[in-house]
Structures are given as structure tokens and as C-alpha cells.
Amino acid sequence: MTIVPRWEWRTFGESFGEAEERFEAAEPGLVEESDETYVLSTKSAASVKLRGGQVDVKHLEAVNEDGLEQWLPVLKGEFPLAAADAAAMLRELGMPPVELERDAYAQEQLVGELLSGHPELRAVAVHKRRAHFTIGGAMAELSDLAADGHTIRTIAIELPDPTVVIAAVRELGLAGRPNTCMARGLATLVGFS
């Protein structure tokens, strides 16, 4: 299977004006709710998500002249997570190599043993409600997030073609807003920096 990096744009806020109105007037393709754990790092903006018995890790490959970020999936593993995959995840989070004591880690062991001993890392439980749309050919979502007693909304637009992504951002009137990846947005929300 060929892994294709995606160009992504995301912003956080309480409301998004006409862009939000446009989403709310449209029929979403899919609405889903999930409980996930994001691993945040003060050393890296890598995207590390634990959901549904799996670990998803994405690496920031590039940022283009429009400020779009290109993210490449570098790990998709299932729990129990092999030690080699746990070590790769820690590297993406900017941590130095460590000697791992287990051959594999259940999610509770990964969070409790590997992450809790590092003040540079924090596991954050996040409840998401995502509504998926298509805007100008790009995948888009309007999401409500709840983490550590805080709530916020986020709009994300992504596709392998950056010209389609930035055109959708402009079409929604959001080009003046900052592009903030999920890890940075969550870190700001919960006060972890």
C-alpha cells in the first residue's frame, strides 16, 4: 500500500463566522463521535493519537509558502504495541532513545509507564464530535473537542493536493486565521507547553 502524505490546514476557535454557517447549512457526509488520547510533547509537534486499540503517528514533512503543513503517516500499530513501535513513537515525540523493559505495551502500560515519567510528554483524553464535508474537492471537518474540562471547535481541511486545500480555505474565508496542528491546538487548550 502506498502511503500518500496529506497537506493539512486547521484552525481552532469558539466560532468561525460565515464558514461555520456554511457547514451548518450543508448536509454532512458523516457525523461521528469518538474518545481518543493524544500524546503531546514540548519537544515535537508530531501527531500521536491512540484510538480504537490502535496508535497513529504522523510526522510533519514540510510547510509550504501558504502555511499548509504536509503530514506523513509513519506508524499505525495495534495494541499491544511492539517495543520497536513504541520506541519509534517516542522518537517522533522528540524523546532520546530509551531502553524499553517490555517486548510489547498495552495502552495502559504505554501511557502509565512510558509517558508518565517524562515531564515533556502528556497524554490527554479527548472527546470528539466530527462532521465531515467536502469543500471545493477537499476533505473538511467541523469538530467539537472536549479535553481536561475545556471545549473548543476546530475546522480542518486536507488533501494530498495543496492547491485544492488552500483554495478551500480561501473559499471559506478562513485564510486570515492561523494554521495550527491538532497537537499544538490541544496543548494550548489544556495549558501544556
C-alpha atoms as a PDB file:
ATOM      1  CA  MET A   1       0.000   0.000   0.000  1.00  0.00           C
ATOM      2  CA  THR A   2       1.335   3.419  -0.972  1.00  0.00           C
ATOM      3  CA  ILE A   3       1.302   5.995   1.807  1.00  0.00           C
ATOM      4  CA  VAL A   4       0.498   9.452   0.485  1.00  0.00           C
ATOM      5  CA  PRO A   5       1.216  12.473   2.678  1.00  0.00           C
ATOM      6  CA  ARG A   6      -1.586  14.993   3.028  1.00  0.00           C
ATOM      7  CA  TRP A   7      -1.457  18.757   3.120  1.00  0.00           C
ATOM      8  CA  GLU A   8      -3.465  19.974   6.079  1.00  0.00           C
ATOM      9  CA  TRP A   9      -4.847  23.224   7.400  1.00  0.00           C
ATOM     10  CA  ARG A  10      -6.596  23.527  10.773  1.00  0.00           C
ATOM     11  CA  THR A  11      -7.778  26.352  12.965  1.00  0.00           C
ATOM     12  CA  PHE A  12      -9.268  26.490  16.451  1.00  0.00           C
ATOM     13  CA  GLY A  13     -11.813  28.864  17.973  1.00  0.00           C
ATOM     14  CA  GLU A  14     -15.211  29.365  19.520  1.00  0.00           C
ATOM     15  CA  SER A  15     -16.868  30.307  16.220  1.00  0.00           C
ATOM     16  CA  PHE A  16     -15.910  30.758  12.568  1.00  0.00           C
ATOM     17  CA  GLY A  17     -18.470  33.200  11.165  1.00  0.00           C
ATOM     18  CA  GLU A  18     -19.683  32.536   7.628  1.00  0.00           C
ATOM     19  CA  ALA A  19     -17.522  29.404   7.304  1.00  0.00           C
ATOM     20  CA  GLU A  20     -19.349  27.825  10.221  1.00  0.00           C
ATOM     21  CA  GLU A  21     -22.700  28.938   8.821  1.00  0.00           C
ATOM     22  CA  ARG A  22     -21.845  27.269   5.532  1.00  0.00           C
ATOM     23  CA  PHE A  23     -21.030  23.994   7.276  1.00  0.00           C
ATOM     24  CA  GLU A  24     -24.199  24.143   9.354  1.00  0.00           C
ATOM     25  CA  ALA A  25     -26.342  24.777   6.242  1.00  0.00           C
ATOM     26  CA  ALA A  26     -24.841  21.781   4.412  1.00  0.00           C
ATOM     27  CA  GLU A  27     -25.601  18.111   4.912  1.00  0.00           C
ATOM     28  CA  PRO A  28     -22.522  16.407   6.384  1.00  0.00           C
ATOM     29  CA  GLY A  29     -21.305  13.227   4.722  1.00  0.00           C
ATOM     30  CA  LEU A  30     -20.701  11.583   8.091  1.00  0.00           C
ATOM     31  CA  VAL A  31     -21.016  12.607  11.724  1.00  0.00           C
ATOM     32  CA  GLU A  32     -19.121  10.599  14.304  1.00  0.00           C
ATOM     33  CA  GLU A  33     -18.175  10.774  17.959  1.00  0.00           C
ATOM     34  CA  SER A  34     -15.069   9.210  19.447  1.00  0.00           C
ATOM     35  CA  ASP A  35     -12.938   9.113  22.548  1.00  0.00           C
ATOM     36  CA  GLU A  36      -9.236   9.356  21.831  1.00  0.00           C
ATOM     37  CA  THR A  37      -5.994  10.004  23.630  1.00  0.00           C
ATOM     38  CA  TYR A  38      -3.471  12.403  22.117  1.00  0.00           C
ATOM     39  CA  VAL A  39       0.131  12.349  23.259  1.00  0.00           C
ATOM     40  CA  LEU A  40       1.520  15.880  23.403  1.00  0.00           C
ATOM     41  CA  SER A  41       5.187  16.808  23.555  1.00  0.00           C
ATOM     42  CA  THR A  42       7.047  20.011  24.332  1.00  0.00           C
ATOM     43  CA  LYS A  43       9.825  18.700  22.036  1.00  0.00           C
ATOM     44  CA  SER A  44       7.789  17.940  18.905  1.00  0.00           C
ATOM     45  CA  ALA A  45       4.521  18.741  17.118  1.00  0.00           C
ATOM     46  CA  ALA A  46       4.175  15.127  15.930  1.00  0.00           C
ATOM     47  CA  SER A  47       0.621  13.824  15.812  1.00  0.00           C
ATOM     48  CA  VAL A  48       0.289  10.800  18.106  1.00  0.00           C
ATOM     49  CA  LYS A  49      -3.234   9.502  18.613  1.00  0.00           C
ATOM     50  CA  LEU A  50      -4.462   6.432  20.495  1.00  0.00           C
ATOM     51  CA  ARG A  51      -7.922   5.352  19.356  1.00  0.00           C
ATOM     52  CA  GLY A  52      -9.855   2.136  18.990  1.00  0.00           C
ATOM     53  CA  GLY A  53      -6.992  -0.101  20.102  1.00  0.00           C
ATOM     54  CA  GLN A  54      -4.542   1.499  17.673  1.00  0.00           C
ATOM     55  CA  VAL A  55      -1.738   4.046  17.617  1.00  0.00           C
ATOM     56  CA  ASP A  56      -1.496   6.523  14.733  1.00  0.00           C
ATOM     57  CA  VAL A  57       1.660   8.601  14.371  1.00  0.00           C
ATOM     58  CA  LYS A  58       2.146  11.308  11.745  1.00  0.00           C
ATOM     59  CA  HIS A  59       5.351  13.223  11.039  1.00  0.00           C
ATOM     60  CA  LEU A  60       5.452  16.833   9.831  1.00  0.00           C
ATOM     61  CA  GLU A  61       7.272  16.680   6.491  1.00  0.00           C
ATOM     62  CA  ALA A  62       7.052  20.241   5.215  1.00  0.00           C
ATOM     63  CA  VAL A  63       5.345  23.617   5.461  1.00  0.00           C
ATOM     64  CA  ASN A  64       4.649  25.380   2.156  1.00  0.00           C
ATOM     65  CA  GLU A  65       4.519  29.092   1.269  1.00  0.00           C
ATOM     66  CA  ASP A  66       0.785  29.210   2.101  1.00  0.00           C
ATOM     67  CA  GLY A  67       1.486  27.845   5.589  1.00  0.00           C
ATOM     68  CA  LEU A  68      -0.054  24.452   4.845  1.00  0.00           C
ATOM     69  CA  GLU A  69       1.532  21.523   6.680  1.00  0.00           C
ATOM     70  CA  GLN A  70       2.321  18.241   4.935  1.00  0.00           C
ATOM     71  CA  TRP A  71       1.848  15.278   7.286  1.00  0.00           C
ATOM     72  CA  LEU A  72       3.103  11.756   6.574  1.00  0.00           C
ATOM     73  CA  PRO A  73       1.745   8.721   8.450  1.00  0.00           C
ATOM     74  CA  VAL A  74       4.819   6.928   9.820  1.00  0.00           C
ATOM     75  CA  LEU A  75       3.260   4.391  12.187  1.00  0.00           C
ATOM     76  CA  LYS A  76      -0.063   2.638  12.528  1.00  0.00           C
ATOM     77  CA  GLY A  77       0.117  -0.090  15.122  1.00  0.00           C
ATOM     78  CA  GLU A  78      -2.243  -2.102  17.253  1.00  0.00           C
ATOM     79  CA  PHE A  79      -2.131  -2.717  20.978  1.00  0.00           C
ATOM     80  CA  PRO A  80      -0.272  -4.435  22.419  1.00  0.00           C
ATOM     81  CA  LEU A  81       2.276  -2.194  20.678  1.00  0.00           C
ATOM     82  CA  ALA A  82       5.628  -3.805  19.859  1.00  0.00           C
ATOM     83  CA  ALA A  83       8.604  -2.270  21.692  1.00  0.00           C
ATOM     84  CA  ALA A  84      10.166  -1.200  18.379  1.00  0.00           C
ATOM     85  CA  ASP A  85       6.993   0.719  17.502  1.00  0.00           C
ATOM     86  CA  ALA A  86       6.849   2.270  20.987  1.00  0.00           C
ATOM     87  CA  ALA A  87      10.466   3.407  20.548  1.00  0.00           C
ATOM     88  CA  ALA A  88       9.636   4.889  17.126  1.00  0.00           C
ATOM     89  CA  MET A  89       6.685   6.751  18.637  1.00  0.00           C
ATOM     90  CA  LEU A  90       8.915   8.204  21.372  1.00  0.00           C
ATOM     91  CA  ARG A  91      11.457   9.333  18.742  1.00  0.00           C
ATOM     92  CA  GLU A  92       8.721  11.161  16.815  1.00  0.00           C
ATOM     93  CA  LEU A  93       7.783  12.884  20.077  1.00  0.00           C
ATOM     94  CA  GLY A  94      11.360  14.192  20.303  1.00  0.00           C
ATOM     95  CA  MET A  95      12.490  11.917  23.109  1.00  0.00           C
ATOM     96  CA  PRO A  96      16.010  10.452  23.299  1.00  0.00           C
ATOM     97  CA  PRO A  97      16.417   6.681  22.856  1.00  0.00           C
ATOM     98  CA  VAL A  98      15.445   4.689  25.942  1.00  0.00           C
ATOM     99  CA  GLU A  99      15.865   1.082  26.978  1.00  0.00           C
ATOM    100  CA  LEU A 100      12.390  -0.437  26.929  1.00  0.00           C
ATOM    101  CA  GLU A 101      11.566  -3.044  29.563  1.00  0.00           C
ATOM    102  CA  ARG A 102       8.789  -4.867  27.707  1.00  0.00           C
ATOM    103  CA  ASP A 103       8.508  -6.630  24.359  1.00  0.00           C
ATOM    104  CA  ALA A 104       5.081  -5.055  23.852  1.00  0.00           C
ATOM    105  CA  TYR A 105       2.890  -2.469  25.590  1.00  0.00           C
ATOM    106  CA  ALA A 106      -0.849  -2.391  26.268  1.00  0.00           C
ATOM    107  CA  GLN A 107      -2.303   1.121  26.014  1.00  0.00           C
ATOM    108  CA  GLU A 108      -2.405   1.498  29.809  1.00  0.00           C
ATOM    109  CA  GLN A 109       1.253   0.426  30.063  1.00  0.00           C
ATOM    110  CA  LEU A 110       2.290   2.800  27.285  1.00  0.00           C
ATOM    111  CA  VAL A 111       0.624   5.750  28.994  1.00  0.00           C
ATOM    112  CA  GLY A 112       1.401   4.713  32.571  1.00  0.00           C
ATOM    113  CA  GLU A 113       4.991   3.525  32.175  1.00  0.00           C
ATOM    114  CA  LEU A 114       6.479   5.187  29.117  1.00  0.00           C
ATOM    115  CA  LEU A 115       4.804   8.557  29.088  1.00  0.00           C
ATOM    116  CA  SER A 116       4.188   9.393  32.736  1.00  0.00           C
ATOM    117  CA  GLY A 117       7.900   9.514  33.604  1.00  0.00           C
ATOM    118  CA  HIS A 118       8.603  12.328  31.142  1.00  0.00           C
ATOM    119  CA  PRO A 119       7.502  15.877  32.037  1.00  0.00           C
ATOM    120  CA  GLU A 120       7.933  16.757  28.337  1.00  0.00           C
ATOM    121  CA  LEU A 121       5.047  14.415  27.445  1.00  0.00           C
ATOM    122  CA  ARG A 122       1.387  14.443  28.355  1.00  0.00           C
ATOM    123  CA  ALA A 123      -1.441  12.087  27.431  1.00  0.00           C
ATOM    124  CA  VAL A 124      -4.720  13.985  27.010  1.00  0.00           C
ATOM    125  CA  ALA A 125      -8.120  12.289  26.772  1.00  0.00           C
ATOM    126  CA  VAL A 126     -10.202  13.979  24.071  1.00  0.00           C
ATOM    127  CA  HIS A 127     -13.856  13.531  23.185  1.00  0.00           C
ATOM    128  CA  LYS A 128     -14.558  14.479  19.562  1.00  0.00           C
ATOM    129  CA  ARG A 129     -17.705  15.083  17.578  1.00  0.00           C
ATOM    130  CA  ARG A 130     -16.741  15.411  13.912  1.00  0.00           C
ATOM    131  CA  ALA A 131     -18.931  16.352  10.962  1.00  0.00           C
ATOM    132  CA  HIS A 132     -17.314  15.603   7.585  1.00  0.00           C
ATOM    133  CA  PHE A 133     -17.867  17.700   4.461  1.00  0.00           C
ATOM    134  CA  THR A 134     -16.380  18.274   1.013  1.00  0.00           C
ATOM    135  CA  ILE A 135     -15.440  21.862   0.183  1.00  0.00           C
ATOM    136  CA  GLY A 136     -14.127  22.588  -3.311  1.00  0.00           C
ATOM    137  CA  GLY A 137     -12.970  18.975  -3.670  1.00  0.00           C
ATOM    138  CA  ALA A 138     -11.089  18.934  -0.345  1.00  0.00           C
ATOM    139  CA  MET A 139     -11.970  16.886   2.723  1.00  0.00           C
ATOM    140  CA  ALA A 140     -13.156  19.145   5.525  1.00  0.00           C
ATOM    141  CA  GLU A 141     -14.437  18.636   9.024  1.00  0.00           C
ATOM    142  CA  LEU A 142     -16.024  20.780  11.702  1.00  0.00           C
ATOM    143  CA  SER A 143     -15.322  19.282  15.112  1.00  0.00           C
ATOM    144  CA  ASP A 144     -16.227  19.933  18.719  1.00  0.00           C
ATOM    145  CA  LEU A 145     -13.491  18.880  21.152  1.00  0.00           C
ATOM    146  CA  ALA A 146     -13.596  18.389  24.921  1.00  0.00           C
ATOM    147  CA  ALA A 147     -10.370  17.827  26.882  1.00  0.00           C
ATOM    148  CA  ASP A 148      -9.487  18.339  30.546  1.00  0.00           C
ATOM    149  CA  GLY A 149     -12.679  20.289  31.218  1.00  0.00           C
ATOM    150  CA  HIS A 150     -12.148  22.635  28.247  1.00  0.00           C
ATOM    151  CA  THR A 151     -14.105  22.753  24.987  1.00  0.00           C
ATOM    152  CA  ILE A 152     -13.305  24.253  21.602  1.00  0.00           C
ATOM    153  CA  ARG A 153     -14.237  23.944  17.932  1.00  0.00           C
ATOM    154  CA  THR A 154     -11.879  23.242  15.078  1.00  0.00           C
ATOM    155  CA  ILE A 155     -12.118  23.265  11.299  1.00  0.00           C
ATOM    156  CA  ALA A 156      -9.722  21.088   9.309  1.00  0.00           C
ATOM    157  CA  ILE A 157      -9.208  20.871   5.557  1.00  0.00           C
ATOM    158  CA  GLU A 158      -6.905  18.294   3.964  1.00  0.00           C
ATOM    159  CA  LEU A 159      -5.958  16.551   0.734  1.00  0.00           C
ATOM    160  CA  PRO A 160      -2.737  15.426  -0.967  1.00  0.00           C
ATOM    161  CA  ASP A 161      -3.029  18.416  -3.358  1.00  0.00           C
ATOM    162  CA  PRO A 162      -2.099  21.667  -1.566  1.00  0.00           C
ATOM    163  CA  THR A 163      -3.661  23.891  -4.245  1.00  0.00           C
ATOM    164  CA  VAL A 164      -7.087  22.355  -3.572  1.00  0.00           C
ATOM    165  CA  VAL A 165      -6.626  22.739   0.204  1.00  0.00           C
ATOM    166  CA  ILE A 166      -5.659  26.414   0.119  1.00  0.00           C
ATOM    167  CA  ALA A 167      -8.449  27.152  -2.386  1.00  0.00           C
ATOM    168  CA  ALA A 168     -10.978  25.616   0.059  1.00  0.00           C
ATOM    169  CA  VAL A 169      -9.509  27.637   2.955  1.00  0.00           C
ATOM    170  CA  ARG A 170      -9.909  30.822   0.896  1.00  0.00           C
ATOM    171  CA  GLU A 171     -13.399  29.846  -0.294  1.00  0.00           C
ATOM    172  CA  LEU A 172     -14.492  29.553   3.346  1.00  0.00           C
ATOM    173  CA  GLY A 173     -12.991  32.958   4.162  1.00  0.00           C
ATOM    174  CA  LEU A 174     -10.527  31.459   6.649  1.00  0.00           C
ATOM    175  CA  ALA A 175      -7.198  32.432   5.038  1.00  0.00           C
ATOM    176  CA  GLY A 176      -6.511  35.080   7.689  1.00  0.00           C
ATOM    177  CA  ARG A 177      -6.673  32.571  10.533  1.00  0.00           C
ATOM    178  CA  PRO A 178      -3.577  30.717  11.757  1.00  0.00           C
ATOM    179  CA  ASN A 179      -2.916  27.124  10.684  1.00  0.00           C
ATOM    180  CA  THR A 180      -2.473  25.179  13.927  1.00  0.00           C
ATOM    181  CA  CYS A 181      -1.966  21.410  14.007  1.00  0.00           C
ATOM    182  CA  MET A 182      -4.003  19.269  16.402  1.00  0.00           C
ATOM    183  CA  ALA A 183      -1.119  18.723  18.843  1.00  0.00           C
ATOM    184  CA  ARG A 184      -0.392  22.452  19.179  1.00  0.00           C
ATOM    185  CA  GLY A 185      -4.077  23.324  19.406  1.00  0.00           C
ATOM    186  CA  LEU A 186      -4.702  20.776  22.146  1.00  0.00           C
ATOM    187  CA  ALA A 187      -1.577  21.859  24.038  1.00  0.00           C
ATOM    188  CA  THR A 188      -2.854  25.441  24.051  1.00  0.00           C
ATOM    189  CA  LEU A 189      -6.341  24.325  25.087  1.00  0.00           C
ATOM    190  CA  VAL A 190      -5.138  22.348  28.123  1.00  0.00           C
ATOM    191  CA  GLY A 191      -2.269  24.697  29.032  1.00  0.00           C
ATOM    192  CA  PHE A 192       0.616  22.345  28.232  1.00  0.00           C
ATOM    193  CA  SER A 193       3.692  23.993  26.755  1.00  0.00           C
END
